[in-house]
């Protein structure tokens, strides 16, 4: 049950990001649910490989390159899904940052620290 609530909150966070950032478009709640699921899968499967492959660059930039990786993945998901569009890499980076912050805040507010 908790997983479904987190998924719905992530979709709502994605809708909020689309409302705030003009270069990101989500066509509706169904597209937001699908995009939130795909973003979660991409972050679970592809992101660790990219982090390991780009470790020297990440160390040289003191971890700031992780923002670029997150933005690239957000941008990538925006290009493979219909109904979710990210127009530029900069919008992807900004969208990924806002998505993380809004998602974290919603989950903290709704679910709290019940664990």
N, C-alpha and C. Protein backbone atom coordinates (compact mmCIF):
# COMPACT_ATOMS: atom_id res chain seq x y z
N UNK A 1 0.82 -1.20 0.00
CA UNK A 1 0.00 0.00 0.00
C UNK A 1 0.87 1.26 0.00
N UNK A 2 1.94 1.21 0.80
CA UNK A 2 2.83 2.37 0.89
C UNK A 2 3.48 2.66 -0.48
N UNK A 3 3.81 1.61 -1.22
CA UNK A 3 4.42 1.78 -2.54
C UNK A 3 3.47 2.50 -3.49
N UNK A 4 2.19 2.17 -3.44
CA UNK A 4 1.21 2.83 -4.30
C UNK A 4 1.04 4.30 -3.93
N UNK A 5 1.08 4.60 -2.64
CA UNK A 5 0.96 5.99 -2.20
C UNK A 5 2.17 6.80 -2.65
N UNK A 6 3.36 6.21 -2.52
CA UNK A 6 4.58 6.89 -2.96
C UNK A 6 4.54 7.12 -4.47
N UNK A 7 4.04 6.13 -5.22
CA UNK A 7 3.94 6.26 -6.67
C UNK A 7 2.98 7.40 -7.05
N UNK A 8 1.85 7.47 -6.37
CA UNK A 8 0.88 8.55 -6.63
C UNK A 8 1.47 9.91 -6.25
N UNK A 9 2.19 9.97 -5.14
CA UNK A 9 2.81 11.24 -4.73
C UNK A 9 3.90 11.66 -5.71
N UNK A 10 4.64 10.70 -6.25
CA UNK A 10 5.64 11.03 -7.26
C UNK A 10 4.98 11.56 -8.54
N UNK A 11 3.84 10.98 -8.90
CA UNK A 11 3.11 11.48 -10.07
C UNK A 11 2.60 12.90 -9.82
N UNK A 12 2.12 13.17 -8.62
CA UNK A 12 1.68 14.53 -8.28
C UNK A 12 2.85 15.50 -8.29
N UNK A 13 4.01 15.04 -7.83
CA UNK A 13 5.22 15.88 -7.87
C UNK A 13 5.59 16.18 -9.31
N UNK A 14 5.44 15.21 -10.19
CA UNK A 14 5.75 15.42 -11.60
C UNK A 14 4.79 16.42 -12.23
N UNK A 15 3.52 16.36 -11.85
CA UNK A 15 2.55 17.35 -12.33
C UNK A 15 2.90 18.75 -11.82
N UNK A 16 3.37 18.83 -10.58
CA UNK A 16 3.77 20.13 -10.03
C UNK A 16 4.99 20.68 -10.75
N UNK A 17 5.94 19.82 -11.08
CA UNK A 17 7.12 20.26 -11.83
C UNK A 17 6.71 20.78 -13.20
N UNK A 18 5.78 20.09 -13.85
CA UNK A 18 5.31 20.54 -15.16
C UNK A 18 4.59 21.88 -15.06
N UNK A 19 3.97 22.13 -13.93
CA UNK A 19 3.30 23.41 -13.73
C UNK A 19 4.30 24.54 -13.52
N UNK A 20 5.41 24.25 -12.84
CA UNK A 20 6.40 25.27 -12.49
C UNK A 20 7.37 25.55 -13.64
N UNK A 21 7.86 24.49 -14.30
CA UNK A 21 8.87 24.64 -15.35
C UNK A 21 8.16 24.66 -16.71
N UNK A 22 8.26 25.77 -17.45
CA UNK A 22 7.53 25.87 -18.71
C UNK A 22 8.02 24.93 -19.81
N UNK A 23 9.22 24.40 -19.71
CA UNK A 23 9.77 23.51 -20.75
C UNK A 23 9.44 22.05 -20.52
N UNK A 24 8.67 21.75 -19.49
CA UNK A 24 8.27 20.38 -19.20
C UNK A 24 6.75 20.30 -19.28
N UNK A 25 6.27 19.31 -20.04
CA UNK A 25 4.83 19.16 -20.24
C UNK A 25 4.39 17.75 -19.90
N UNK A 26 3.30 17.64 -19.14
CA UNK A 26 2.68 16.35 -18.83
C UNK A 26 1.23 16.48 -19.25
N UNK A 27 0.75 15.52 -20.05
CA UNK A 27 -0.59 15.66 -20.62
C UNK A 27 -1.72 15.33 -19.65
N UNK A 28 -1.43 14.61 -18.58
CA UNK A 28 -2.49 14.30 -17.62
C UNK A 28 -1.98 13.39 -16.52
N UNK A 29 -2.90 12.99 -15.65
CA UNK A 29 -2.53 12.15 -14.52
C UNK A 29 -2.05 10.78 -14.96
N UNK A 30 -2.65 10.21 -15.98
CA UNK A 30 -2.21 8.90 -16.48
C UNK A 30 -0.79 8.95 -17.01
N UNK A 31 -0.49 10.00 -17.76
CA UNK A 31 0.89 10.16 -18.25
C UNK A 31 1.85 10.41 -17.11
N UNK A 32 1.42 11.13 -16.09
CA UNK A 32 2.27 11.39 -14.93
C UNK A 32 2.54 10.10 -14.16
N UNK A 33 1.53 9.25 -14.02
CA UNK A 33 1.72 7.96 -13.35
C UNK A 33 2.71 7.08 -14.11
N UNK A 34 2.55 7.02 -15.43
CA UNK A 34 3.46 6.23 -16.25
C UNK A 34 4.88 6.80 -16.20
N UNK A 35 4.99 8.12 -16.30
CA UNK A 35 6.31 8.75 -16.26
C UNK A 35 6.98 8.55 -14.90
N UNK A 36 6.23 8.63 -13.82
CA UNK A 36 6.80 8.42 -12.49
C UNK A 36 7.31 6.99 -12.35
N UNK A 37 6.59 6.04 -12.90
CA UNK A 37 7.03 4.64 -12.85
C UNK A 37 8.30 4.44 -13.68
N UNK A 38 8.33 5.02 -14.86
CA UNK A 38 9.50 4.86 -15.73
C UNK A 38 10.72 5.59 -15.14
N UNK A 39 10.50 6.77 -14.57
CA UNK A 39 11.61 7.49 -13.92
C UNK A 39 12.16 6.64 -12.77
N UNK A 40 11.29 6.02 -12.01
CA UNK A 40 11.74 5.16 -10.92
C UNK A 40 12.54 3.96 -11.42
N UNK A 41 12.07 3.34 -12.50
CA UNK A 41 12.80 2.21 -13.07
C UNK A 41 14.15 2.62 -13.64
N UNK A 42 14.18 3.75 -14.34
CA UNK A 42 15.43 4.25 -14.90
C UNK A 42 16.42 4.59 -13.79
N UNK A 43 15.94 5.21 -12.73
CA UNK A 43 16.81 5.53 -11.61
C UNK A 43 17.31 4.28 -10.89
N UNK A 44 16.54 3.23 -10.94
CA UNK A 44 16.93 1.99 -10.27
C UNK A 44 17.89 1.15 -11.13
N UNK A 45 17.69 1.16 -12.45
CA UNK A 45 18.46 0.27 -13.32
C UNK A 45 19.63 0.94 -14.03
N UNK A 46 19.41 2.12 -14.58
CA UNK A 46 20.43 2.76 -15.43
C UNK A 46 21.32 3.71 -14.64
N UNK A 47 20.77 4.44 -13.69
CA UNK A 47 21.53 5.44 -12.95
C UNK A 47 22.76 4.87 -12.24
N UNK A 48 22.67 3.72 -11.56
CA UNK A 48 23.89 3.20 -10.89
C UNK A 48 25.02 2.90 -11.87
N UNK A 49 24.68 2.41 -13.06
CA UNK A 49 25.71 2.12 -14.06
C UNK A 49 26.38 3.42 -14.52
N UNK A 50 25.57 4.44 -14.77
CA UNK A 50 26.13 5.73 -15.19
C UNK A 50 26.97 6.37 -14.10
N UNK A 51 26.56 6.22 -12.87
CA UNK A 51 27.33 6.80 -11.76
C UNK A 51 28.69 6.13 -11.67
N UNK A 52 28.73 4.83 -11.81
CA UNK A 52 30.02 4.12 -11.76
C UNK A 52 30.89 4.48 -12.96
N UNK A 53 30.30 4.55 -14.15
CA UNK A 53 31.08 4.87 -15.35
C UNK A 53 31.64 6.29 -15.33
N UNK A 54 30.93 7.21 -14.71
CA UNK A 54 31.36 8.61 -14.69
C UNK A 54 31.96 9.01 -13.35
N UNK A 55 32.40 8.03 -12.59
CA UNK A 55 32.95 8.32 -11.26
C UNK A 55 34.13 9.29 -11.28
N UNK A 56 35.08 9.17 -12.21
CA UNK A 56 36.19 10.15 -12.21
C UNK A 56 35.72 11.59 -12.42
N UNK A 57 34.76 11.78 -13.33
CA UNK A 57 34.24 13.13 -13.58
C UNK A 57 33.47 13.62 -12.36
N UNK A 58 32.74 12.74 -11.72
CA UNK A 58 31.98 13.10 -10.53
C UNK A 58 32.90 13.53 -9.40
N UNK A 59 34.01 12.83 -9.24
CA UNK A 59 34.97 13.20 -8.20
C UNK A 59 35.60 14.54 -8.53
N UNK A 60 35.97 14.75 -9.80
CA UNK A 60 36.60 16.03 -10.20
C UNK A 60 35.67 17.22 -10.00
N UNK A 61 34.37 17.01 -10.18
CA UNK A 61 33.41 18.10 -10.03
C UNK A 61 32.79 18.14 -8.64
N UNK A 62 33.36 17.38 -7.73
CA UNK A 62 32.89 17.31 -6.34
C UNK A 62 31.42 16.90 -6.24
N UNK A 63 31.00 16.01 -7.11
CA UNK A 63 29.64 15.48 -7.06
C UNK A 63 28.62 16.23 -7.87
N UNK A 64 29.00 17.38 -8.43
CA UNK A 64 28.02 18.16 -9.19
C UNK A 64 27.62 17.49 -10.50
N UNK A 65 28.45 16.58 -11.01
CA UNK A 65 28.10 15.89 -12.24
C UNK A 65 26.89 14.97 -12.04
N UNK A 66 26.59 14.61 -10.81
CA UNK A 66 25.39 13.80 -10.54
C UNK A 66 24.12 14.56 -10.93
N UNK A 67 24.15 15.88 -10.83
CA UNK A 67 23.00 16.67 -11.29
C UNK A 67 22.81 16.51 -12.79
N UNK A 68 23.92 16.47 -13.52
CA UNK A 68 23.84 16.29 -14.97
C UNK A 68 23.31 14.90 -15.29
N UNK A 69 23.76 13.89 -14.57
CA UNK A 69 23.27 12.52 -14.80
C UNK A 69 21.77 12.45 -14.55
N UNK A 70 21.31 13.02 -13.43
CA UNK A 70 19.88 13.03 -13.14
C UNK A 70 19.09 13.77 -14.20
N UNK A 71 19.62 14.91 -14.65
CA UNK A 71 18.97 15.68 -15.70
C UNK A 71 18.92 14.93 -17.02
N UNK A 72 20.01 14.24 -17.37
CA UNK A 72 20.03 13.44 -18.60
C UNK A 72 18.99 12.33 -18.56
N UNK A 73 18.88 11.67 -17.43
CA UNK A 73 17.89 10.60 -17.31
C UNK A 73 16.47 11.14 -17.37
N UNK A 74 16.22 12.28 -16.73
CA UNK A 74 14.91 12.93 -16.79
C UNK A 74 14.59 13.32 -18.23
N UNK A 75 15.59 13.89 -18.93
CA UNK A 75 15.46 14.28 -20.33
C UNK A 75 15.21 13.05 -21.20
N UNK A 76 15.91 11.96 -20.92
CA UNK A 76 15.75 10.72 -21.67
C UNK A 76 14.33 10.16 -21.54
N UNK A 77 13.81 10.14 -20.32
CA UNK A 77 12.46 9.64 -20.10
C UNK A 77 11.45 10.53 -20.82
N UNK A 78 11.71 11.83 -20.85
CA UNK A 78 10.83 12.75 -21.56
C UNK A 78 10.79 12.51 -23.05
N UNK A 79 11.85 11.90 -23.60
CA UNK A 79 11.89 11.63 -25.03
C UNK A 79 11.33 10.26 -25.40
N UNK A 80 11.28 9.33 -24.46
CA UNK A 80 10.78 8.00 -24.82
C UNK A 80 9.30 7.83 -24.53
N UNK A 81 8.72 8.71 -23.72
CA UNK A 81 7.30 8.58 -23.38
C UNK A 81 6.44 9.60 -24.11
N UNK A 82 5.27 9.15 -24.53
CA UNK A 82 4.30 10.08 -25.08
C UNK A 82 3.48 10.65 -23.92
N UNK A 83 3.23 11.94 -23.95
CA UNK A 83 2.47 12.57 -22.88
C UNK A 83 3.35 13.20 -21.82
N UNK A 84 4.66 12.97 -21.90
CA UNK A 84 5.62 13.58 -20.99
C UNK A 84 6.77 14.09 -21.84
N UNK A 85 6.97 15.41 -21.83
CA UNK A 85 7.95 16.02 -22.72
C UNK A 85 8.88 16.95 -21.93
N UNK A 86 10.17 16.77 -22.13
CA UNK A 86 11.19 17.65 -21.58
C UNK A 86 11.94 18.22 -22.77
N UNK A 87 11.91 19.54 -22.93
CA UNK A 87 12.40 20.16 -24.15
C UNK A 87 13.91 20.35 -24.23
N UNK A 88 14.60 20.47 -23.10
CA UNK A 88 16.04 20.70 -23.16
C UNK A 88 16.73 20.02 -21.97
N UNK A 89 18.05 19.91 -22.08
CA UNK A 89 18.81 19.31 -20.99
C UNK A 89 18.75 20.17 -19.74
N UNK A 90 18.80 21.49 -19.90
CA UNK A 90 18.71 22.38 -18.75
C UNK A 90 17.36 22.22 -18.05
N UNK A 91 16.30 22.09 -18.84
CA UNK A 91 14.98 21.83 -18.25
C UNK A 91 14.96 20.48 -17.55
N UNK A 92 15.69 19.50 -18.09
CA UNK A 92 15.78 18.20 -17.45
C UNK A 92 16.49 18.27 -16.11
N UNK A 93 17.58 19.04 -16.06
CA UNK A 93 18.31 19.19 -14.79
C UNK A 93 17.45 19.90 -13.76
N UNK A 94 16.84 21.01 -14.17
CA UNK A 94 15.97 21.75 -13.26
C UNK A 94 14.77 20.91 -12.84
N UNK A 95 14.19 20.20 -13.79
CA UNK A 95 13.04 19.34 -13.50
C UNK A 95 13.40 18.21 -12.55
N UNK A 96 14.57 17.62 -12.72
CA UNK A 96 14.99 16.54 -11.83
C UNK A 96 15.21 17.04 -10.41
N UNK A 97 15.79 18.22 -10.28
CA UNK A 97 16.01 18.80 -8.95
C UNK A 97 14.67 19.10 -8.28
N UNK A 98 13.78 19.77 -9.01
CA UNK A 98 12.47 20.11 -8.44
C UNK A 98 11.64 18.86 -8.15
N UNK A 99 11.71 17.88 -9.04
CA UNK A 99 10.98 16.63 -8.84
C UNK A 99 11.43 15.94 -7.55
N UNK A 100 12.73 15.91 -7.33
CA UNK A 100 13.25 15.30 -6.10
C UNK A 100 12.79 16.05 -4.86
N UNK A 101 12.88 17.37 -4.91
CA UNK A 101 12.50 18.17 -3.75
C UNK A 101 11.00 18.08 -3.44
N UNK A 102 10.19 18.21 -4.47
CA UNK A 102 8.74 18.16 -4.27
C UNK A 102 8.30 16.77 -3.83
N UNK A 103 8.87 15.75 -4.45
CA UNK A 103 8.54 14.38 -4.08
C UNK A 103 8.93 14.10 -2.63
N UNK A 104 10.13 14.54 -2.25
CA UNK A 104 10.58 14.34 -0.87
C UNK A 104 9.65 15.05 0.12
N UNK A 105 9.27 16.29 -0.21
CA UNK A 105 8.40 17.06 0.69
C UNK A 105 7.02 16.41 0.81
N UNK A 106 6.45 15.98 -0.30
CA UNK A 106 5.13 15.33 -0.26
C UNK A 106 5.16 14.04 0.54
N UNK A 107 6.18 13.23 0.32
CA UNK A 107 6.27 11.96 1.04
C UNK A 107 6.48 12.21 2.53
N UNK A 108 7.29 13.21 2.86
CA UNK A 108 7.52 13.53 4.28
C UNK A 108 6.24 14.05 4.93
N UNK A 109 5.46 14.86 4.21
CA UNK A 109 4.22 15.40 4.76
C UNK A 109 3.13 14.34 4.90
N UNK A 110 2.98 13.51 3.88
CA UNK A 110 1.89 12.55 3.87
C UNK A 110 2.21 11.31 4.71
N UNK A 111 3.38 10.74 4.48
CA UNK A 111 3.72 9.49 5.17
C UNK A 111 4.44 9.73 6.49
N UNK A 112 5.17 10.82 6.58
CA UNK A 112 5.89 11.12 7.82
C UNK A 112 6.98 10.12 8.12
N UNK A 113 7.28 9.95 9.38
CA UNK A 113 8.31 9.00 9.80
C UNK A 113 7.67 7.90 10.64
N UNK A 114 6.82 7.12 10.02
CA UNK A 114 6.11 6.04 10.71
C UNK A 114 6.96 4.78 10.85
N UNK A 115 8.06 4.70 10.14
CA UNK A 115 8.89 3.48 10.16
C UNK A 115 9.60 3.31 11.45
